[in-house]
PDB file of N, CA and C in Angstrom:
ATOM      1  N   UNK A   1      47.960  55.492  37.889  1.00  0.00           N
ATOM      2  CA  UNK A   1      46.877  56.189  37.223  1.00  0.00           C
ATOM      3  C   UNK A   1      47.248  57.651  37.030  1.00  0.00           C
ATOM      4  N   UNK A   2      46.753  58.244  35.960  1.00  0.00           N
ATOM      5  CA  UNK A   2      47.078  59.652  35.726  1.00  0.00           C
ATOM      6  C   UNK A   2      46.336  60.566  36.692  1.00  0.00           C
ATOM      7  N   UNK A   3      47.024  61.567  37.154  1.00  0.00           N
ATOM      8  CA  UNK A   3      46.452  62.573  38.039  1.00  0.00           C
ATOM      9  C   UNK A   3      46.703  63.942  37.438  1.00  0.00           C
ATOM     10  N   UNK A   4      45.765  64.888  37.674  1.00  0.00           N
ATOM     11  CA  UNK A   4      45.981  66.227  37.142  1.00  0.00           C
ATOM     12  C   UNK A   4      47.155  66.917  37.837  1.00  0.00           C
ATOM     13  N   UNK A   5      47.932  67.683  37.062  1.00  0.00           N
ATOM     14  CA  UNK A   5      49.051  68.411  37.661  1.00  0.00           C
ATOM     15  C   UNK A   5      48.561  69.599  38.482  1.00  0.00           C
ATOM     16  N   UNK A   6      47.475  70.216  38.026  1.00  0.00           N
ATOM     17  CA  UNK A   6      46.938  71.394  38.724  1.00  0.00           C
ATOM     18  C   UNK A   6      45.457  71.187  39.040  1.00  0.00           C
ATOM     19  N   UNK A   7      45.024  71.931  40.012  1.00  0.00           N
ATOM     20  CA  UNK A   7      43.629  71.860  40.449  1.00  0.00           C
ATOM     21  C   UNK A   7      42.718  72.483  39.397  1.00  0.00           C
ATOM     22  N   UNK A   8      41.574  71.838  39.141  1.00  0.00           N
ATOM     23  CA  UNK A   8      40.587  72.434  38.238  1.00  0.00           C
ATOM     24  C   UNK A   8      39.799  73.503  38.984  1.00  0.00           C
ATOM     25  N   UNK A   9      39.436  74.548  38.291  1.00  0.00           N
ATOM     26  CA  UNK A   9      38.689  75.623  38.928  1.00  0.00           C
ATOM     27  C   UNK A   9      37.245  75.194  39.172  1.00  0.00           C
ATOM     28  N   UNK A  10      36.564  75.907  40.060  1.00  0.00           N
ATOM     29  CA  UNK A  10      35.163  75.628  40.344  1.00  0.00           C
ATOM     30  C   UNK A  10      34.316  75.903  39.109  1.00  0.00           C
ATOM     31  N   UNK A  11      34.675  76.912  38.346  1.00  0.00           N
ATOM     32  CA  UNK A  11      33.934  77.250  37.138  1.00  0.00           C
ATOM     33  C   UNK A  11      34.002  76.115  36.116  1.00  0.00           C
ATOM     34  N   UNK A  12      35.155  75.503  36.008  1.00  0.00           N
ATOM     35  CA  UNK A  12      35.323  74.405  35.057  1.00  0.00           C
ATOM     36  C   UNK A  12      34.437  73.215  35.441  1.00  0.00           C
ATOM     37  N   UNK A  13      34.375  72.927  36.746  1.00  0.00           N
ATOM     38  CA  UNK A  13      33.517  71.833  37.220  1.00  0.00           C
ATOM     39  C   UNK A  13      32.053  72.167  36.988  1.00  0.00           C
ATOM     40  N   UNK A  14      31.666  73.405  37.237  1.00  0.00           N
ATOM     41  CA  UNK A  14      30.279  73.828  37.072  1.00  0.00           C
ATOM     42  C   UNK A  14      29.862  73.755  35.604  1.00  0.00           C
ATOM     43  N   UNK A  15      30.767  74.096  34.689  1.00  0.00           N
ATOM     44  CA  UNK A  15      30.460  73.999  33.255  1.00  0.00           C
ATOM     45  C   UNK A  15      30.144  72.561  32.863  1.00  0.00           C
ATOM     46  N   UNK A  16      30.874  71.636  33.450  1.00  0.00           N
ATOM     47  CA  UNK A  16      30.671  70.229  33.118  1.00  0.00           C
ATOM     48  C   UNK A  16      29.312  69.736  33.621  1.00  0.00           C
ATOM     49  N   UNK A  17      28.843  70.290  34.729  1.00  0.00           N
ATOM     50  CA  UNK A  17      27.602  69.829  35.336  1.00  0.00           C
ATOM     51  C   UNK A  17      26.357  70.556  34.833  1.00  0.00           C
ATOM     52  N   UNK A  18      26.481  71.484  33.920  1.00  0.00           N
ATOM     53  CA  UNK A  18      25.320  72.270  33.514  1.00  0.00           C
ATOM     54  C   UNK A  18      24.267  71.452  32.797  1.00  0.00           C
ATOM     55  N   UNK A  19      24.616  70.317  32.253  1.00  0.00           N
ATOM     56  CA  UNK A  19      23.668  69.548  31.461  1.00  0.00           C
ATOM     57  C   UNK A  19      22.859  68.562  32.287  1.00  0.00           C
ATOM     58  N   UNK A  20      23.219  68.400  33.576  1.00  0.00           N
ATOM     59  CA  UNK A  20      22.451  67.507  34.429  1.00  0.00           C
ATOM     60  C   UNK A  20      21.246  68.261  34.953  1.00  0.00           C
ATOM     61  N   UNK A  21      20.058  67.750  34.668  1.00  0.00           N
ATOM     62  CA  UNK A  21      18.840  68.418  35.097  1.00  0.00           C
ATOM     63  C   UNK A  21      17.922  67.417  35.783  1.00  0.00           C
ATOM     64  N   UNK A  22      17.183  67.874  36.742  1.00  0.00           N
ATOM     65  CA  UNK A  22      16.185  67.024  37.384  1.00  0.00           C
ATOM     66  C   UNK A  22      15.011  66.870  36.434  1.00  0.00           C
ATOM     67  N   UNK A  23      14.484  65.656  36.348  1.00  0.00           N
ATOM     68  CA  UNK A  23      13.357  65.387  35.459  1.00  0.00           C
ATOM     69  C   UNK A  23      12.157  64.950  36.279  1.00  0.00           C
ATOM     70  N   UNK A  24      10.982  65.249  35.762  1.00  0.00           N
ATOM     71  CA  UNK A  24       9.762  64.810  36.427  1.00  0.00           C
ATOM     72  C   UNK A  24       9.608  63.311  36.239  1.00  0.00           C
ATOM     73  N   UNK A  25       9.013  62.672  37.215  1.00  0.00           N
ATOM     74  CA  UNK A  25       8.762  61.246  37.123  1.00  0.00           C
ATOM     75  C   UNK A  25       7.585  61.029  36.177  1.00  0.00           C
ATOM     76  N   UNK A  26       7.722  60.082  35.252  1.00  0.00           N
ATOM     77  CA  UNK A  26       6.653  59.778  34.309  1.00  0.00           C
ATOM     78  C   UNK A  26       5.698  58.784  34.957  1.00  0.00           C
ATOM     79  N   UNK A  27       4.427  59.139  34.988  1.00  0.00           N
ATOM     80  CA  UNK A  27       3.419  58.277  35.600  1.00  0.00           C
ATOM     81  C   UNK A  27       2.577  57.613  34.522  1.00  0.00           C
ATOM     82  N   UNK A  28       2.124  56.395  34.813  1.00  0.00           N
ATOM     83  CA  UNK A  28       1.251  55.654  33.917  1.00  0.00           C
ATOM     84  C   UNK A  28       0.027  55.205  34.687  1.00  0.00           C
ATOM     85  N   UNK A  29      -1.059  54.948  33.942  1.00  0.00           N
ATOM     86  CA  UNK A  29      -2.266  54.440  34.555  1.00  0.00           C
ATOM     87  C   UNK A  29      -2.306  52.938  34.334  1.00  0.00           C
ATOM     88  N   UNK A  30      -2.446  52.183  35.429  1.00  0.00           N
ATOM     89  CA  UNK A  30      -2.474  50.726  35.335  1.00  0.00           C
ATOM     90  C   UNK A  30      -3.776  50.285  34.698  1.00  0.00           C
ATOM     91  N   UNK A  31      -3.678  49.360  33.734  1.00  0.00           N
ATOM     92  CA  UNK A  31      -4.879  48.895  33.026  1.00  0.00           C
ATOM     93  C   UNK A  31      -5.763  48.034  33.922  1.00  0.00           C
ATOM     94  N   UNK A  32      -5.173  47.315  34.861  1.00  0.00           N
ATOM     95  CA  UNK A  32      -5.940  46.422  35.721  1.00  0.00           C
ATOM     96  C   UNK A  32      -6.627  47.172  36.858  1.00  0.00           C
ATOM     97  N   UNK A  33      -5.862  47.956  37.594  1.00  0.00           N
ATOM     98  CA  UNK A  33      -6.406  48.625  38.786  1.00  0.00           C
ATOM     99  C   UNK A  33      -6.833  50.060  38.527  1.00  0.00           C
ATOM    100  N   UNK A  34      -6.293  50.685  37.495  1.00  0.00           N
ATOM    101  CA  UNK A  34      -6.639  52.077  37.196  1.00  0.00           C
ATOM    102  C   UNK A  34      -5.884  53.090  38.030  1.00  0.00           C
ATOM    103  N   UNK A  35      -4.889  52.640  38.798  1.00  0.00           N
ATOM    104  CA  UNK A  35      -4.115  53.545  39.641  1.00  0.00           C
ATOM    105  C   UNK A  35      -2.926  54.112  38.885  1.00  0.00           C
ATOM    106  N   UNK A  36      -2.475  55.301  39.315  1.00  0.00           N
ATOM    107  CA  UNK A  36      -1.269  55.887  38.744  1.00  0.00           C
ATOM    108  C   UNK A  36      -0.046  55.306  39.442  1.00  0.00           C
ATOM    109  N   UNK A  37       1.001  55.048  38.669  1.00  0.00           N
ATOM    110  CA  UNK A  37       2.223  54.507  39.224  1.00  0.00           C
ATOM    111  C   UNK A  37       3.402  54.943  38.364  1.00  0.00           C
ATOM    112  N   UNK A  38       4.616  54.797  38.905  1.00  0.00           N
ATOM    113  CA  UNK A  38       5.835  55.146  38.185  1.00  0.00           C
ATOM    114  C   UNK A  38       6.053  54.096  37.093  1.00  0.00           C
ATOM    115  N   UNK A  39       6.400  54.556  35.901  1.00  0.00           N
ATOM    116  CA  UNK A  39       6.586  53.636  34.776  1.00  0.00           C
ATOM    117  C   UNK A  39       7.757  52.687  35.008  1.00  0.00           C
ATOM    118  N   UNK A  40       7.629  51.487  34.501  1.00  0.00           N
ATOM    119  CA  UNK A  40       8.669  50.453  34.539  1.00  0.00           C
ATOM    120  C   UNK A  40       9.078  50.081  35.958  1.00  0.00           C
ATOM    121  N   UNK A  41       8.139  50.181  36.885  1.00  0.00           N
ATOM    122  CA  UNK A  41       8.380  49.778  38.264  1.00  0.00           C
ATOM    123  C   UNK A  41       7.156  48.991  38.742  1.00  0.00           C
ATOM    124  N   UNK A  42       7.405  47.973  39.534  1.00  0.00           N
ATOM    125  CA  UNK A  42       6.302  47.240  40.142  1.00  0.00           C
ATOM    126  C   UNK A  42       5.661  48.134  41.200  1.00  0.00           C
ATOM    127  N   UNK A  43       4.343  47.979  41.403  1.00  0.00           N
ATOM    128  CA  UNK A  43       3.664  48.816  42.394  1.00  0.00           C
ATOM    129  C   UNK A  43       2.656  47.970  43.168  1.00  0.00           C
ATOM    130  N   UNK A  44       2.381  48.382  44.400  1.00  0.00           N
ATOM    131  CA  UNK A  44       1.459  47.672  45.277  1.00  0.00           C
ATOM    132  C   UNK A  44       0.093  48.309  45.182  1.00  0.00           C
ATOM    133  N   UNK A  45      -0.912  47.466  45.019  1.00  0.00           N
ATOM    134  CA  UNK A  45      -2.292  47.927  44.991  1.00  0.00           C
ATOM    135  C   UNK A  45      -3.137  46.924  45.766  1.00  0.00           C
ATOM    136  N   UNK A  46      -3.777  47.394  46.832  1.00  0.00           N
ATOM    137  CA  UNK A  46      -4.627  46.559  47.680  1.00  0.00           C
ATOM    138  C   UNK A  46      -3.893  45.315  48.182  1.00  0.00           C
ATOM    139  N   UNK A  47      -2.632  45.470  48.563  1.00  0.00           N
ATOM    140  CA  UNK A  47      -1.855  44.379  49.123  1.00  0.00           C
ATOM    141  C   UNK A  47      -1.314  43.398  48.094  1.00  0.00           C
ATOM    142  N   UNK A  48      -1.448  43.704  46.811  1.00  0.00           N
ATOM    143  CA  UNK A  48      -0.939  42.831  45.761  1.00  0.00           C
ATOM    144  C   UNK A  48       0.073  43.588  44.927  1.00  0.00           C
ATOM    145  N   UNK A  49       1.077  42.886  44.425  1.00  0.00           N
ATOM    146  CA  UNK A  49       2.144  43.498  43.645  1.00  0.00           C
ATOM    147  C   UNK A  49       1.857  43.306  42.159  1.00  0.00           C
ATOM    148  N   UNK A  50       1.792  44.421  41.414  1.00  0.00           N
ATOM    149  CA  UNK A  50       1.513  44.385  39.989  1.00  0.00           C
ATOM    150  C   UNK A  50       2.702  44.897  39.202  1.00  0.00           C
ATOM    151  N   UNK A  51       2.916  44.321  38.011  1.00  0.00           N
ATOM    152  CA  UNK A  51       3.922  44.808  37.072  1.00  0.00           C
ATOM    153  C   UNK A  51       3.412  44.550  35.670  1.00  0.00           C
ATOM    154  N   UNK A  52       3.417  45.594  34.842  1.00  0.00           N
ATOM    155  CA  UNK A  52       2.915  45.538  33.472  1.00  0.00           C
ATOM    156  C   UNK A  52       1.474  45.042  33.423  1.00  0.00           C
ATOM    157  N   UNK A  53       0.661  45.456  34.409  1.00  0.00           N
ATOM    158  CA  UNK A  53      -0.750  45.110  34.430  1.00  0.00           C
ATOM    159  C   UNK A  53      -1.046  43.696  34.884  1.00  0.00           C
ATOM    160  N   UNK A  54      -0.032  42.946  35.276  1.00  0.00           N
ATOM    161  CA  UNK A  54      -0.240  41.563  35.698  1.00  0.00           C
ATOM    162  C   UNK A  54       0.108  41.409  37.172  1.00  0.00           C
ATOM    163  N   UNK A  55      -0.607  40.501  37.818  1.00  0.00           N
ATOM    164  CA  UNK A  55      -0.354  40.218  39.226  1.00  0.00           C
ATOM    165  C   UNK A  55       0.940  39.438  39.359  1.00  0.00           C
ATOM    166  N   UNK A  56       1.884  39.968  40.131  1.00  0.00           N
ATOM    167  CA  UNK A  56       3.183  39.327  40.298  1.00  0.00           C
ATOM    168  C   UNK A  56       3.214  38.549  41.618  1.00  0.00           C
ATOM    169  N   UNK A  57       2.740  39.143  42.698  1.00  0.00           N
ATOM    170  CA  UNK A  57       2.774  38.478  44.008  1.00  0.00           C
ATOM    171  C   UNK A  57       1.618  38.984  44.852  1.00  0.00           C
ATOM    172  N   UNK A  58       1.088  38.074  45.659  1.00  0.00           N
ATOM    173  CA  UNK A  58       0.040  38.429  46.598  1.00  0.00           C
ATOM    174  C   UNK A  58       0.637  38.578  47.986  1.00  0.00           C
ATOM    175  N   UNK A  59      -0.053  39.313  48.819  1.00  0.00           N
ATOM    176  CA  UNK A  59       0.409  39.502  50.181  1.00  0.00           C
ATOM    177  C   UNK A  59       0.177  38.214  50.963  1.00  0.00           C
ATOM    178  N   UNK A  60       1.231  37.723  51.605  1.00  0.00           N
ATOM    179  CA  UNK A  60       1.118  36.508  52.392  1.00  0.00           C
ATOM    180  C   UNK A  60       0.352  36.785  53.678  1.00  0.00           C
ATOM    181  N   UNK A  61      -0.495  35.861  54.111  1.00  0.00           N
ATOM    182  CA  UNK A  61      -1.233  36.081  55.373  1.00  0.00           C
ATOM    183  C   UNK A  61      -0.278  36.055  56.558  1.00  0.00           C
ATOM    184  N   UNK A  62      -0.565  36.879  57.548  1.00  0.00           N
ATOM    185  CA  UNK A  62       0.268  36.953  58.740  1.00  0.00           C
ATOM    186  C   UNK A  62       0.037  35.745  59.638  1.00  0.00           C
ATOM    187  N   UNK A  63       1.112  35.211  60.185  1.00  0.00           N
ATOM    188  CA  UNK A  63       1.013  34.081  61.100  1.00  0.00           C
ATOM    189  C   UNK A  63       0.743  34.605  62.507  1.00  0.00           C
ATOM    190  N   UNK A  64      -0.206  33.971  63.199  1.00  0.00           N
ATOM    191  CA  UNK A  64      -0.553  34.420  64.542  1.00  0.00           C
ATOM    192  C   UNK A  64       0.196  33.656  65.600  1.00  0.00           C
TER     193      UNK A  64
END
């Protein structure tokens, strides 16, 4: 594999990284429960798992 002959400077590395920025998380309001959640992620509400406004899984009862 090719390797650089000389070390890159810190300034050169920093220039390359200038375009990476932290972004705020986009929140959506669930149509079924009305809760805020991260977009395109399943979320738990009252022990049930929802995705795209639909119930995906219920919480299983605990065995005693």
